[in-house]
Amino acid sequence: MGFHILSMVSGAKQILKLQSLVSREKADVPKGHIAVYVGEKQTKRFVVPISVVNHPSFKDLLKRAEEEFGFNHPTGRLTIPCKEDAFIDLISRLHA
């Protein structure tokens, strides 16, 4: 019984930590956009239009991210494990 309460408290602390991180970063993401972190070792933050999320090429990147990190990335961020140049090229082509 005591273990269950400790686990609930720990879970609540994690949620609050993630919420503060999200709200802090959410302030500079315009409506209709999403922040993603791109990189294989070091990541760089990009803000992209939400419209690219449904594109098959972007979905492939999301699938790679899911395979590598699952749905529980340590930083709580949407991180895409690809080279920065390849991501920029893809986003440029999607906007054209």
N, C-alpha and C. Protein backbone atom coordinates (compact mmCIF):
# COMPACT_ATOMS: atom_id res chain seq x y z
N MET A 1 0.83 -1.19 0.00
CA MET A 1 0.00 0.00 0.00
C MET A 1 0.87 1.26 0.00
N GLY A 2 1.88 1.32 0.89
CA GLY A 2 2.77 2.47 0.97
C GLY A 2 3.57 2.66 -0.30
N PHE A 3 3.98 1.54 -0.91
CA PHE A 3 4.74 1.59 -2.16
C PHE A 3 3.90 2.21 -3.28
N HIS A 4 2.62 1.87 -3.32
CA HIS A 4 1.72 2.40 -4.35
C HIS A 4 1.60 3.92 -4.23
N ILE A 5 1.51 4.43 -3.02
CA ILE A 5 1.41 5.88 -2.79
C ILE A 5 2.71 6.57 -3.21
N LEU A 6 3.86 5.98 -2.85
CA LEU A 6 5.14 6.55 -3.25
C LEU A 6 5.28 6.60 -4.76
N SER A 7 4.83 5.55 -5.43
CA SER A 7 4.90 5.52 -6.89
C SER A 7 3.99 6.57 -7.50
N MET A 8 2.82 6.81 -6.90
CA MET A 8 1.91 7.85 -7.41
C MET A 8 2.52 9.23 -7.22
N VAL A 9 3.17 9.47 -6.07
CA VAL A 9 3.81 10.76 -5.80
C VAL A 9 4.95 10.99 -6.79
N SER A 10 5.74 9.95 -7.02
CA SER A 10 6.85 10.05 -7.97
C SER A 10 6.33 10.35 -9.37
N GLY A 11 5.25 9.68 -9.76
CA GLY A 11 4.65 9.92 -11.07
C GLY A 11 4.13 11.34 -11.19
N ALA A 12 3.51 11.84 -10.14
CA ALA A 12 2.96 13.20 -10.15
C ALA A 12 4.09 14.23 -10.28
N LYS A 13 5.21 13.99 -9.58
CA LYS A 13 6.35 14.90 -9.67
C LYS A 13 6.89 14.94 -11.10
N GLN A 14 6.95 13.76 -11.73
CA GLN A 14 7.42 13.69 -13.11
C GLN A 14 6.50 14.48 -14.04
N ILE A 15 5.22 14.33 -13.87
CA ILE A 15 4.25 15.04 -14.71
C ILE A 15 4.38 16.54 -14.53
N LEU A 16 4.51 17.00 -13.29
CA LEU A 16 4.66 18.44 -13.04
C LEU A 16 5.94 18.98 -13.65
N LYS A 17 7.01 18.21 -13.58
CA LYS A 17 8.28 18.62 -14.16
C LYS A 17 8.14 18.77 -15.67
N LEU A 18 7.50 17.79 -16.32
CA LEU A 18 7.31 17.84 -17.76
C LEU A 18 6.39 18.99 -18.15
N GLN A 19 5.33 19.23 -17.36
CA GLN A 19 4.41 20.32 -17.67
C GLN A 19 5.12 21.67 -17.61
N SER A 20 5.98 21.86 -16.62
CA SER A 20 6.68 23.14 -16.53
C SER A 20 7.65 23.30 -17.69
N LEU A 21 8.28 22.21 -18.11
CA LEU A 21 9.18 22.25 -19.26
C LEU A 21 8.40 22.59 -20.52
N VAL A 22 7.26 21.96 -20.71
CA VAL A 22 6.44 22.20 -21.90
C VAL A 22 5.91 23.62 -21.91
N SER A 23 5.38 24.10 -20.80
CA SER A 23 4.82 25.45 -20.78
C SER A 23 5.90 26.51 -20.97
N ARG A 24 7.10 26.24 -20.48
CA ARG A 24 8.20 27.19 -20.64
C ARG A 24 8.59 27.30 -22.11
N GLU A 25 8.63 26.15 -22.81
CA GLU A 25 9.04 26.15 -24.21
C GLU A 25 7.88 26.46 -25.15
N LYS A 26 6.68 26.24 -24.71
CA LYS A 26 5.50 26.44 -25.54
C LYS A 26 5.30 27.91 -25.88
N ALA A 27 5.79 28.79 -25.04
CA ALA A 27 5.55 30.21 -25.21
C ALA A 27 6.11 30.74 -26.52
N ASP A 28 7.18 30.18 -27.04
CA ASP A 28 7.76 30.70 -28.27
C ASP A 28 7.46 29.85 -29.49
N VAL A 29 6.44 29.00 -29.42
CA VAL A 29 6.00 28.22 -30.57
C VAL A 29 4.69 28.81 -31.05
N PRO A 30 4.69 29.39 -32.26
CA PRO A 30 3.46 30.02 -32.74
C PRO A 30 2.35 29.00 -32.96
N LYS A 31 1.13 29.48 -32.92
CA LYS A 31 -0.02 28.63 -33.15
C LYS A 31 0.11 27.99 -34.54
N GLY A 32 -0.21 26.70 -34.61
CA GLY A 32 -0.13 25.99 -35.88
C GLY A 32 1.25 25.42 -36.17
N HIS A 33 2.13 25.45 -35.18
CA HIS A 33 3.50 24.94 -35.32
C HIS A 33 3.81 23.97 -34.19
N ILE A 34 4.89 23.24 -34.37
CA ILE A 34 5.33 22.30 -33.34
C ILE A 34 6.86 22.38 -33.25
N ALA A 35 7.37 22.24 -32.05
CA ALA A 35 8.81 22.23 -31.83
C ALA A 35 9.30 20.79 -31.87
N VAL A 36 10.35 20.56 -32.65
CA VAL A 36 10.98 19.24 -32.70
C VAL A 36 12.48 19.43 -32.50
N TYR A 37 13.10 18.42 -31.97
CA TYR A 37 14.54 18.44 -31.76
C TYR A 37 15.15 17.43 -32.70
N VAL A 38 16.14 17.86 -33.46
CA VAL A 38 16.71 17.05 -34.51
C VAL A 38 18.20 16.86 -34.28
N GLY A 39 18.66 15.64 -34.46
CA GLY A 39 20.08 15.36 -34.34
C GLY A 39 20.31 13.95 -33.86
N GLU A 40 21.49 13.45 -34.16
CA GLU A 40 21.82 12.09 -33.75
C GLU A 40 22.51 12.06 -32.39
N LYS A 41 23.40 13.00 -32.14
CA LYS A 41 24.07 13.06 -30.84
C LYS A 41 23.68 14.35 -30.12
N GLN A 42 23.95 15.47 -30.74
CA GLN A 42 23.50 16.75 -30.21
C GLN A 42 22.27 17.16 -30.99
N THR A 43 21.29 17.72 -30.30
CA THR A 43 20.06 18.09 -30.99
C THR A 43 19.94 19.60 -31.11
N LYS A 44 19.23 19.99 -32.16
CA LYS A 44 18.94 21.39 -32.39
C LYS A 44 17.43 21.52 -32.51
N ARG A 45 16.88 22.58 -31.96
CA ARG A 45 15.43 22.79 -31.94
C ARG A 45 14.97 23.48 -33.21
N PHE A 46 13.90 22.93 -33.80
CA PHE A 46 13.27 23.52 -34.97
C PHE A 46 11.80 23.69 -34.68
N VAL A 47 11.22 24.76 -35.19
CA VAL A 47 9.78 24.98 -35.09
C VAL A 47 9.24 24.87 -36.51
N VAL A 48 8.38 23.87 -36.72
CA VAL A 48 7.87 23.59 -38.07
C VAL A 48 6.34 23.67 -38.07
N PRO A 49 5.77 23.96 -39.22
CA PRO A 49 4.30 23.99 -39.31
C PRO A 49 3.71 22.62 -39.05
N ILE A 50 2.60 22.58 -38.37
CA ILE A 50 1.94 21.33 -38.03
C ILE A 50 1.50 20.59 -39.30
N SER A 51 1.34 21.31 -40.40
CA SER A 51 0.90 20.70 -41.66
C SER A 51 1.88 19.65 -42.18
N VAL A 52 3.16 19.73 -41.81
CA VAL A 52 4.13 18.74 -42.30
C VAL A 52 3.99 17.39 -41.60
N VAL A 53 3.32 17.36 -40.48
CA VAL A 53 3.24 16.13 -39.69
C VAL A 53 2.54 15.00 -40.45
N ASN A 54 1.58 15.33 -41.30
CA ASN A 54 0.86 14.30 -42.04
C ASN A 54 1.54 13.86 -43.33
N HIS A 55 2.63 14.50 -43.70
CA HIS A 55 3.33 14.12 -44.92
C HIS A 55 4.04 12.77 -44.71
N PRO A 56 3.96 11.87 -45.70
CA PRO A 56 4.57 10.54 -45.55
C PRO A 56 6.05 10.56 -45.18
N SER A 57 6.82 11.50 -45.72
CA SER A 57 8.25 11.57 -45.39
C SER A 57 8.46 11.95 -43.93
N PHE A 58 7.65 12.87 -43.44
CA PHE A 58 7.77 13.27 -42.04
C PHE A 58 7.31 12.13 -41.13
N LYS A 59 6.27 11.43 -41.55
CA LYS A 59 5.80 10.28 -40.78
C LYS A 59 6.89 9.22 -40.65
N ASP A 60 7.69 9.06 -41.71
CA ASP A 60 8.81 8.11 -41.64
C ASP A 60 9.80 8.52 -40.56
N LEU A 61 10.06 9.83 -40.46
CA LEU A 61 10.96 10.32 -39.41
C LEU A 61 10.38 10.06 -38.02
N LEU A 62 9.07 10.27 -37.89
CA LEU A 62 8.42 10.02 -36.60
C LEU A 62 8.48 8.53 -36.24
N LYS A 63 8.35 7.68 -37.24
CA LYS A 63 8.43 6.23 -37.00
C LYS A 63 9.84 5.86 -36.51
N ARG A 64 10.86 6.47 -37.13
CA ARG A 64 12.24 6.23 -36.68
C ARG A 64 12.43 6.68 -35.23
N ALA A 65 11.84 7.83 -34.90
CA ALA A 65 11.94 8.35 -33.53
C ALA A 65 11.27 7.38 -32.57
N GLU A 66 10.11 6.86 -32.95
CA GLU A 66 9.41 5.90 -32.10
C GLU A 66 10.23 4.63 -31.90
N GLU A 67 10.84 4.15 -32.98
CA GLU A 67 11.65 2.93 -32.89
C GLU A 67 12.86 3.12 -31.99
N GLU A 68 13.47 4.31 -32.07
CA GLU A 68 14.67 4.56 -31.28
C GLU A 68 14.37 4.89 -29.82
N PHE A 69 13.36 5.73 -29.59
CA PHE A 69 13.09 6.22 -28.24
C PHE A 69 11.81 5.69 -27.61
N GLY A 70 10.92 5.13 -28.41
CA GLY A 70 9.61 4.76 -27.88
C GLY A 70 8.83 6.03 -27.62
N PHE A 71 7.89 5.95 -26.72
CA PHE A 71 7.08 7.13 -26.41
C PHE A 71 7.49 7.75 -25.09
N ASN A 72 8.64 7.36 -24.58
CA ASN A 72 9.08 7.85 -23.28
C ASN A 72 10.51 8.37 -23.40
N HIS A 73 10.70 9.41 -24.20
CA HIS A 73 12.04 9.99 -24.35
C HIS A 73 12.46 10.61 -23.03
N PRO A 74 13.72 10.45 -22.63
CA PRO A 74 14.18 10.97 -21.34
C PRO A 74 13.93 12.47 -21.13
N THR A 75 13.98 13.26 -22.19
CA THR A 75 13.79 14.70 -22.02
C THR A 75 12.33 15.11 -22.16
N GLY A 76 11.48 14.19 -22.61
CA GLY A 76 10.07 14.52 -22.80
C GLY A 76 9.81 15.32 -24.06
N ARG A 77 10.80 15.45 -24.91
CA ARG A 77 10.69 16.23 -26.14
C ARG A 77 10.51 15.31 -27.33
N LEU A 78 9.94 15.86 -28.39
CA LEU A 78 9.85 15.13 -29.65
C LEU A 78 11.21 15.26 -30.33
N THR A 79 11.97 14.17 -30.29
CA THR A 79 13.33 14.17 -30.83
C THR A 79 13.39 13.25 -32.03
N ILE A 80 13.89 13.77 -33.14
CA ILE A 80 13.99 13.01 -34.38
C ILE A 80 15.46 12.69 -34.62
N PRO A 81 15.80 11.39 -34.65
CA PRO A 81 17.19 10.99 -34.80
C PRO A 81 17.64 10.94 -36.26
N CYS A 82 17.92 12.11 -36.83
CA CYS A 82 18.48 12.14 -38.18
C CYS A 82 19.44 13.32 -38.26
N LYS A 83 20.18 13.36 -39.35
CA LYS A 83 21.12 14.46 -39.52
C LYS A 83 20.36 15.76 -39.77
N GLU A 84 20.89 16.81 -39.19
CA GLU A 84 20.27 18.13 -39.28
C GLU A 84 20.09 18.57 -40.74
N ASP A 85 21.10 18.35 -41.57
CA ASP A 85 21.03 18.74 -42.98
C ASP A 85 19.90 18.02 -43.70
N ALA A 86 19.74 16.73 -43.43
CA ALA A 86 18.69 15.94 -44.07
C ALA A 86 17.31 16.46 -43.65
N PHE A 87 17.17 16.83 -42.37
CA PHE A 87 15.89 17.36 -41.88
C PHE A 87 15.57 18.69 -42.54
N ILE A 88 16.55 19.58 -42.62
CA ILE A 88 16.35 20.88 -43.25
C ILE A 88 15.96 20.70 -44.71
N ASP A 89 16.63 19.78 -45.40
CA ASP A 89 16.32 19.50 -46.80
C ASP A 89 14.87 19.02 -46.94
N LEU A 90 14.47 18.09 -46.08
CA LEU A 90 13.10 17.56 -46.13
C LEU A 90 12.08 18.66 -45.90
N ILE A 91 12.26 19.46 -44.87
CA ILE A 91 11.31 20.52 -44.55
C ILE A 91 11.24 21.54 -45.68
N SER A 92 12.37 21.83 -46.27
CA SER A 92 12.41 22.77 -47.42
C SER A 92 11.59 22.22 -48.58
N ARG A 93 11.74 20.93 -48.86
CA ARG A 93 11.00 20.32 -49.97
C ARG A 93 9.49 20.29 -49.66
N LEU A 94 9.13 20.08 -48.40
CA LEU A 94 7.72 20.03 -48.04
C LEU A 94 7.05 21.40 -48.16
N HIS A 95 7.82 22.46 -47.99
CA HIS A 95 7.27 23.81 -48.10
C HIS A 95 7.16 24.28 -49.54
N ALA A 96 7.91 23.66 -50.43
CA ALA A 96 7.94 24.10 -51.84
C ALA A 96 6.66 23.77 -52.57
